Amino acid sequence: MTGRVRAVTVYCGSHVSVPEAYLELAAEVGAGIAARGWSLVWGGGRTAMMGAVAVAARRGGARTVGVIPQSMVDREWADHDEDELLVVDTMRERKRLMEAHSDAFLALPGGLGTCEELFEVWTARYLDLHRKPVVLLDPDTHWSGLLDWVISLRDKGFVPTEAIGALTVASTVAGALDACGVS
């Protein structure tokens, strides 16, 4: 990454039954993005952590750019309060646009979709397809099993140490946002 951070893509849980602590974490991230004068790029959803991060970012004055597939708009999952809503046909287009609009990537606790998005940008960083920071916020060991598994893949020779080094893991919101500002 060259220059200063202008926009951060946040990947996070969108399932409506996540514990309140995760909604609060997402809101803290959104507020932190706004406080730094950055824009938020996110999946364009209005529920759960996705909604919390966007509402807090907007409340703090951040510009918000949602990227969402038409099928999710049709299900009425879209957040229509964003500054810009980019509606695409496929999840692949969604991820491509999110990457193109961002200077850094931050994954919060989440499920399968968050894992998939994290692995794609993490792999691309390792392969030098981009130089943007990829940061994992893990305040409560949500990701410890996944990280242990990746380390075991390294130990078996499937993942080079340099690939693991392409991901920054932070345990606090401030640490995660600080890591988004470096390459």
C-alpha atoms as a PDB file:
ATOM      1  CA  MET A   1       0.000   0.000   0.000  1.00  0.00           C
ATOM      2  CA  THR A   2       1.228   3.442  -0.771  1.00  0.00           C
ATOM      3  CA  GLY A   3      -0.001   6.666   0.760  1.00  0.00           C
ATOM      4  CA  ARG A   4      -2.360   7.036   3.658  1.00  0.00           C
ATOM      5  CA  VAL A   5      -5.437   4.998   4.452  1.00  0.00           C
ATOM      6  CA  ARG A   6      -8.608   6.465   3.023  1.00  0.00           C
ATOM      7  CA  ALA A   7     -10.956   3.476   3.157  1.00  0.00           C
ATOM      8  CA  VAL A   8     -11.070   0.200   5.068  1.00  0.00           C
ATOM      9  CA  THR A   9     -13.071  -2.850   4.077  1.00  0.00           C
ATOM     10  CA  VAL A  10     -14.576  -4.551   7.106  1.00  0.00           C
ATOM     11  CA  TYR A  11     -15.648  -8.180   6.947  1.00  0.00           C
ATOM     12  CA  CYS A  12     -17.865  -9.363   9.797  1.00  0.00           C
ATOM     13  CA  GLY A  13     -20.808 -11.463  10.852  1.00  0.00           C
ATOM     14  CA  SER A  14     -24.207 -10.735   9.371  1.00  0.00           C
ATOM     15  CA  HIS A  15     -26.200 -13.409  11.182  1.00  0.00           C
ATOM     16  CA  VAL A  16     -28.831 -11.797  13.374  1.00  0.00           C
ATOM     17  CA  SER A  17     -28.302 -13.994  16.414  1.00  0.00           C
ATOM     18  CA  VAL A  18     -24.742 -12.952  17.328  1.00  0.00           C
ATOM     19  CA  PRO A  19     -24.166 -11.958  20.960  1.00  0.00           C
ATOM     20  CA  GLU A  20     -24.493  -8.288  21.897  1.00  0.00           C
ATOM     21  CA  ALA A  21     -20.757  -8.069  22.645  1.00  0.00           C
ATOM     22  CA  TYR A  22     -20.019  -8.588  18.937  1.00  0.00           C
ATOM     23  CA  LEU A  23     -22.460  -5.858  17.939  1.00  0.00           C
ATOM     24  CA  GLU A  24     -20.692  -3.543  20.375  1.00  0.00           C
ATOM     25  CA  LEU A  25     -17.314  -4.543  18.918  1.00  0.00           C
ATOM     26  CA  ALA A  26     -18.523  -3.767  15.392  1.00  0.00           C
ATOM     27  CA  ALA A  27     -19.859  -0.402  16.544  1.00  0.00           C
ATOM     28  CA  GLU A  28     -16.512   0.386  18.182  1.00  0.00           C
ATOM     29  CA  VAL A  29     -14.747  -0.414  14.900  1.00  0.00           C
ATOM     30  CA  GLY A  30     -17.156   1.798  12.935  1.00  0.00           C
ATOM     31  CA  ALA A  31     -16.654   4.664  15.371  1.00  0.00           C
ATOM     32  CA  GLY A  32     -12.875   4.167  15.219  1.00  0.00           C
ATOM     33  CA  ILE A  33     -12.881   4.294  11.428  1.00  0.00           C
ATOM     34  CA  ALA A  34     -14.831   7.544  11.538  1.00  0.00           C
ATOM     35  CA  ALA A  35     -12.561   9.028  14.214  1.00  0.00           C
ATOM     36  CA  ARG A  36      -9.562   8.451  11.952  1.00  0.00           C
ATOM     37  CA  GLY A  37     -11.263  10.190   9.049  1.00  0.00           C
ATOM     38  CA  TRP A  38     -11.473   7.014   6.982  1.00  0.00           C
ATOM     39  CA  SER A  39     -14.338   5.639   4.905  1.00  0.00           C
ATOM     40  CA  LEU A  40     -15.985   2.297   5.533  1.00  0.00           C
ATOM     41  CA  VAL A  41     -16.425  -0.234   2.760  1.00  0.00           C
ATOM     42  CA  TRP A  42     -18.556  -3.184   3.799  1.00  0.00           C
ATOM     43  CA  GLY A  43     -20.972  -5.775   2.511  1.00  0.00           C
ATOM     44  CA  GLY A  44     -23.883  -3.363   2.404  1.00  0.00           C
ATOM     45  CA  GLY A  45     -26.034  -5.270   4.905  1.00  0.00           C
ATOM     46  CA  ARG A  46     -28.136  -3.712   7.619  1.00  0.00           C
ATOM     47  CA  THR A  47     -28.299  -6.607  10.076  1.00  0.00           C
ATOM     48  CA  ALA A  48     -26.114  -7.779  12.949  1.00  0.00           C
ATOM     49  CA  MET A  49     -22.463  -6.741  12.952  1.00  0.00           C
ATOM     50  CA  MET A  50     -22.675  -5.416   9.384  1.00  0.00           C
ATOM     51  CA  GLY A  51     -25.389  -3.007  10.381  1.00  0.00           C
ATOM     52  CA  ALA A  52     -23.670  -2.022  13.633  1.00  0.00           C
ATOM     53  CA  VAL A  53     -20.362  -1.135  11.977  1.00  0.00           C
ATOM     54  CA  ALA A  54     -22.082   0.966   9.310  1.00  0.00           C
ATOM     55  CA  VAL A  55     -24.405   2.820  11.690  1.00  0.00           C
ATOM     56  CA  ALA A  56     -21.521   3.702  14.020  1.00  0.00           C
ATOM     57  CA  ALA A  57     -19.289   4.788  11.143  1.00  0.00           C
ATOM     58  CA  ARG A  58     -21.999   7.084   9.761  1.00  0.00           C
ATOM     59  CA  ARG A  59     -22.803   8.410  13.225  1.00  0.00           C
ATOM     60  CA  GLY A  60     -19.150   9.417  13.498  1.00  0.00           C
ATOM     61  CA  GLY A  61     -19.179  11.150  10.121  1.00  0.00           C
ATOM     62  CA  ALA A  62     -17.500   8.469   7.988  1.00  0.00           C
ATOM     63  CA  ARG A  63     -18.414   7.961   4.364  1.00  0.00           C
ATOM     64  CA  THR A  64     -19.917   4.486   3.885  1.00  0.00           C
ATOM     65  CA  VAL A  65     -19.829   2.412   0.711  1.00  0.00           C
ATOM     66  CA  GLY A  66     -21.898  -0.762   0.695  1.00  0.00           C
ATOM     67  CA  VAL A  67     -21.343  -3.475  -1.893  1.00  0.00           C
ATOM     68  CA  ILE A  68     -24.120  -6.039  -2.099  1.00  0.00           C
ATOM     69  CA  PRO A  69     -25.428  -8.619  -4.572  1.00  0.00           C
ATOM     70  CA  GLN A  70     -28.861  -7.965  -6.089  1.00  0.00           C
ATOM     71  CA  SER A  71     -30.153 -11.205  -4.566  1.00  0.00           C
ATOM     72  CA  MET A  72     -29.524  -9.773  -1.098  1.00  0.00           C
ATOM     73  CA  VAL A  73     -31.198  -6.493  -2.026  1.00  0.00           C
ATOM     74  CA  ASP A  74     -34.193  -8.531  -3.199  1.00  0.00           C
ATOM     75  CA  ARG A  75     -34.313 -10.183   0.254  1.00  0.00           C
ATOM     76  CA  GLU A  76     -34.404  -6.699   1.787  1.00  0.00           C
ATOM     77  CA  TRP A  77     -31.045  -7.113   3.525  1.00  0.00           C
ATOM     78  CA  ALA A  78     -29.517  -3.942   2.097  1.00  0.00           C
ATOM     79  CA  ASP A  79     -28.722  -0.886   4.183  1.00  0.00           C
ATOM     80  CA  HIS A  80     -30.127   2.031   2.193  1.00  0.00           C
ATOM     81  CA  ASP A  81     -28.667   4.742   4.440  1.00  0.00           C
ATOM     82  CA  GLU A  82     -25.122   4.480   3.066  1.00  0.00           C
ATOM     83  CA  ASP A  83     -23.467   7.202   1.025  1.00  0.00           C
ATOM     84  CA  GLU A  84     -23.050   4.846  -1.906  1.00  0.00           C
ATOM     85  CA  LEU A  85     -24.629   1.448  -2.546  1.00  0.00           C
ATOM     86  CA  LEU A  86     -22.996  -0.637  -5.264  1.00  0.00           C
ATOM     87  CA  VAL A  87     -25.297  -3.442  -6.359  1.00  0.00           C
ATOM     88  CA  VAL A  88     -23.632  -6.330  -8.189  1.00  0.00           C
ATOM     89  CA  ASP A  89     -24.721  -9.638  -9.661  1.00  0.00           C
ATOM     90  CA  THR A  90     -22.342 -12.027  -7.890  1.00  0.00           C
ATOM     91  CA  MET A  91     -20.337 -12.464  -4.716  1.00  0.00           C
ATOM     92  CA  ARG A  92     -17.161 -12.463  -6.805  1.00  0.00           C
ATOM     93  CA  GLU A  93     -18.037  -9.021  -8.170  1.00  0.00           C
ATOM     94  CA  ARG A  94     -18.790  -7.896  -4.638  1.00  0.00           C
ATOM     95  CA  LYS A  95     -15.368  -8.911  -3.359  1.00  0.00           C
ATOM     96  CA  ARG A  96     -13.619  -7.378  -6.377  1.00  0.00           C
ATOM     97  CA  LEU A  97     -15.304  -4.015  -5.838  1.00  0.00           C
ATOM     98  CA  MET A  98     -14.685  -4.072  -2.105  1.00  0.00           C
ATOM     99  CA  GLU A  99     -10.998  -4.681  -2.759  1.00  0.00           C
ATOM    100  CA  ALA A 100     -10.829  -1.955  -5.400  1.00  0.00           C
ATOM    101  CA  HIS A 101     -12.395   0.618  -3.056  1.00  0.00           C
ATOM    102  CA  SER A 102     -10.128  -0.120  -0.069  1.00  0.00           C
ATOM    103  CA  ASP A 103      -6.680   0.613   1.267  1.00  0.00           C
ATOM    104  CA  ALA A 104      -6.807  -2.053   3.995  1.00  0.00           C
ATOM    105  CA  PHE A 105      -8.883  -5.058   5.063  1.00  0.00           C
ATOM    106  CA  LEU A 106     -10.109  -5.772   8.575  1.00  0.00           C
ATOM    107  CA  ALA A 107     -11.860  -9.005   9.532  1.00  0.00           C
ATOM    108  CA  LEU A 108     -13.899  -9.084  12.724  1.00  0.00           C
ATOM    109  CA  PRO A 109     -15.417 -12.198  14.249  1.00  0.00           C
ATOM    110  CA  GLY A 110     -17.704 -13.865  11.766  1.00  0.00           C
ATOM    111  CA  GLY A 111     -18.693 -17.101  10.133  1.00  0.00           C
ATOM    112  CA  LEU A 112     -18.198 -18.839   6.801  1.00  0.00           C
ATOM    113  CA  GLY A 113     -18.531 -15.730   4.641  1.00  0.00           C
ATOM    114  CA  THR A 114     -16.055 -13.800   6.765  1.00  0.00           C
ATOM    115  CA  CYS A 115     -13.604 -16.717   6.610  1.00  0.00           C
ATOM    116  CA  GLU A 116     -13.913 -16.903   2.839  1.00  0.00           C
ATOM    117  CA  GLU A 117     -13.365 -13.157   2.399  1.00  0.00           C
ATOM    118  CA  LEU A 118     -10.435 -13.151   4.819  1.00  0.00           C
ATOM    119  CA  PHE A 119      -8.701 -16.053   3.100  1.00  0.00           C
ATOM    120  CA  GLU A 120      -9.078 -14.475  -0.321  1.00  0.00           C
ATOM    121  CA  VAL A 121      -7.489 -11.114   0.581  1.00  0.00           C
ATOM    122  CA  TRP A 122      -4.894 -12.798   2.815  1.00  0.00           C
ATOM    123  CA  THR A 123      -3.836 -15.157   0.006  1.00  0.00           C
ATOM    124  CA  ALA A 124      -3.742 -12.286  -2.484  1.00  0.00           C
ATOM    125  CA  ARG A 125      -1.513 -10.306  -0.107  1.00  0.00           C
ATOM    126  CA  TYR A 126       0.880 -13.241   0.260  1.00  0.00           C
ATOM    127  CA  LEU A 127       0.970 -13.721  -3.527  1.00  0.00           C
ATOM    128  CA  ASP A 128       1.791 -10.001  -3.894  1.00  0.00           C
ATOM    129  CA  LEU A 129      -1.396  -9.330  -5.849  1.00  0.00           C
ATOM    130  CA  HIS A 130      -1.852  -6.331  -3.556  1.00  0.00           C
ATOM    131  CA  ARG A 131       0.196  -4.687  -0.798  1.00  0.00           C
ATOM    132  CA  LYS A 132      -2.704  -3.601   1.399  1.00  0.00           C
ATOM    133  CA  PRO A 133      -2.732  -4.548   5.090  1.00  0.00           C
ATOM    134  CA  VAL A 134      -4.845  -7.559   6.038  1.00  0.00           C
ATOM    135  CA  VAL A 135      -5.788  -7.471   9.699  1.00  0.00           C
ATOM    136  CA  LEU A 136      -7.705  -9.909  11.877  1.00  0.00           C
ATOM    137  CA  LEU A 137      -9.336  -8.526  15.023  1.00  0.00           C
ATOM    138  CA  ASP A 138      -9.542 -11.292  17.609  1.00  0.00           C
ATOM    139  CA  PRO A 139     -10.400  -9.819  21.016  1.00  0.00           C
ATOM    140  CA  ASP A 140     -11.730 -13.036  22.534  1.00  0.00           C
ATOM    141  CA  THR A 141      -9.965 -15.939  20.752  1.00  0.00           C
ATOM    142  CA  HIS A 142     -12.843 -16.289  18.256  1.00  0.00           C
ATOM    143  CA  TRP A 143     -10.251 -17.063  15.580  1.00  0.00           C
ATOM    144  CA  SER A 144      -7.798 -19.116  17.676  1.00  0.00           C
ATOM    145  CA  GLY A 145      -8.910 -22.495  16.276  1.00  0.00           C
ATOM    146  CA  LEU A 146      -8.549 -21.262  12.706  1.00  0.00           C
ATOM    147  CA  LEU A 147      -5.151 -19.720  13.423  1.00  0.00           C
ATOM    148  CA  ASP A 148      -3.965 -22.902  15.148  1.00  0.00           C
ATOM    149  CA  TRP A 149      -5.066 -24.883  12.095  1.00  0.00           C
ATOM    150  CA  VAL A 150      -3.156 -22.576   9.741  1.00  0.00           C
ATOM    151  CA  ILE A 151      -0.040 -22.959  11.913  1.00  0.00           C
ATOM    152  CA  SER A 152      -0.481 -26.737  11.711  1.00  0.00           C
ATOM    153  CA  LEU A 153      -0.635 -26.424   7.913  1.00  0.00           C
ATOM    154  CA  ARG A 154       2.661 -24.541   8.061  1.00  0.00           C
ATOM    155  CA  ASP A 155       4.161 -27.230  10.290  1.00  0.00           C
ATOM    156  CA  LYS A 156       3.121 -29.873   7.734  1.00  0.00           C
ATOM    157  CA  GLY A 157       4.709 -27.896   4.893  1.00  0.00           C
ATOM    158  CA  PHE A 158       1.508 -26.703   3.200  1.00  0.00           C
ATOM    159  CA  VAL A 159       1.753 -23.007   4.134  1.00  0.00           C
ATOM    160  CA  PRO A 160       4.985 -20.997   4.077  1.00  0.00           C
ATOM    161  CA  THR A 161       5.852 -18.888   7.106  1.00  0.00           C
ATOM    162  CA  GLU A 162       5.799 -15.798   4.879  1.00  0.00           C
ATOM    163  CA  ALA A 163       2.116 -16.409   4.143  1.00  0.00           C
ATOM    164  CA  ILE A 164       1.297 -16.390   7.832  1.00  0.00           C
ATOM    165  CA  GLY A 165       3.266 -13.163   8.144  1.00  0.00           C
ATOM    166  CA  ALA A 166       0.994 -11.535   5.537  1.00  0.00           C
ATOM    167  CA  LEU A 167      -1.745 -11.387   8.195  1.00  0.00           C
ATOM    168  CA  THR A 168      -1.639  -9.132  11.241  1.00  0.00           C
ATOM    169  CA  VAL A 169      -3.623 -10.312  14.258  1.00  0.00           C
ATOM    170  CA  ALA A 170      -4.735  -7.727  16.816  1.00  0.00           C
ATOM    171  CA  SER A 171      -6.623  -8.167  20.062  1.00  0.00           C
ATOM    172  CA  THR A 172      -7.910  -4.586  20.403  1.00  0.00           C
ATOM    173  CA  VAL A 173      -9.808  -2.270  18.107  1.00  0.00           C
ATOM    174  CA  ALA A 174      -7.116   0.406  18.406  1.00  0.00           C
ATOM    175  CA  GLY A 175      -4.407  -2.136  17.568  1.00  0.00           C
ATOM    176  CA  ALA A 176      -6.363  -3.422  14.585  1.00  0.00           C
ATOM    177  CA  LEU A 177      -6.980   0.066  13.220  1.00  0.00           C
ATOM    178  CA  ASP A 178      -3.330   0.987  13.771  1.00  0.00           C
ATOM    179  CA  ALA A 179      -2.345  -2.103  11.785  1.00  0.00           C
ATOM    180  CA  CYS A 180      -4.638  -1.027   8.929  1.00  0.00           C
ATOM    181  CA  GLY A 181      -2.491   2.064   8.558  1.00  0.00           C
ATOM    182  CA  VAL A 182       0.725   0.197   7.799  1.00  0.00           C
ATOM    183  CA  SER A 183       1.801  -2.080   4.981  1.00  0.00           C
END
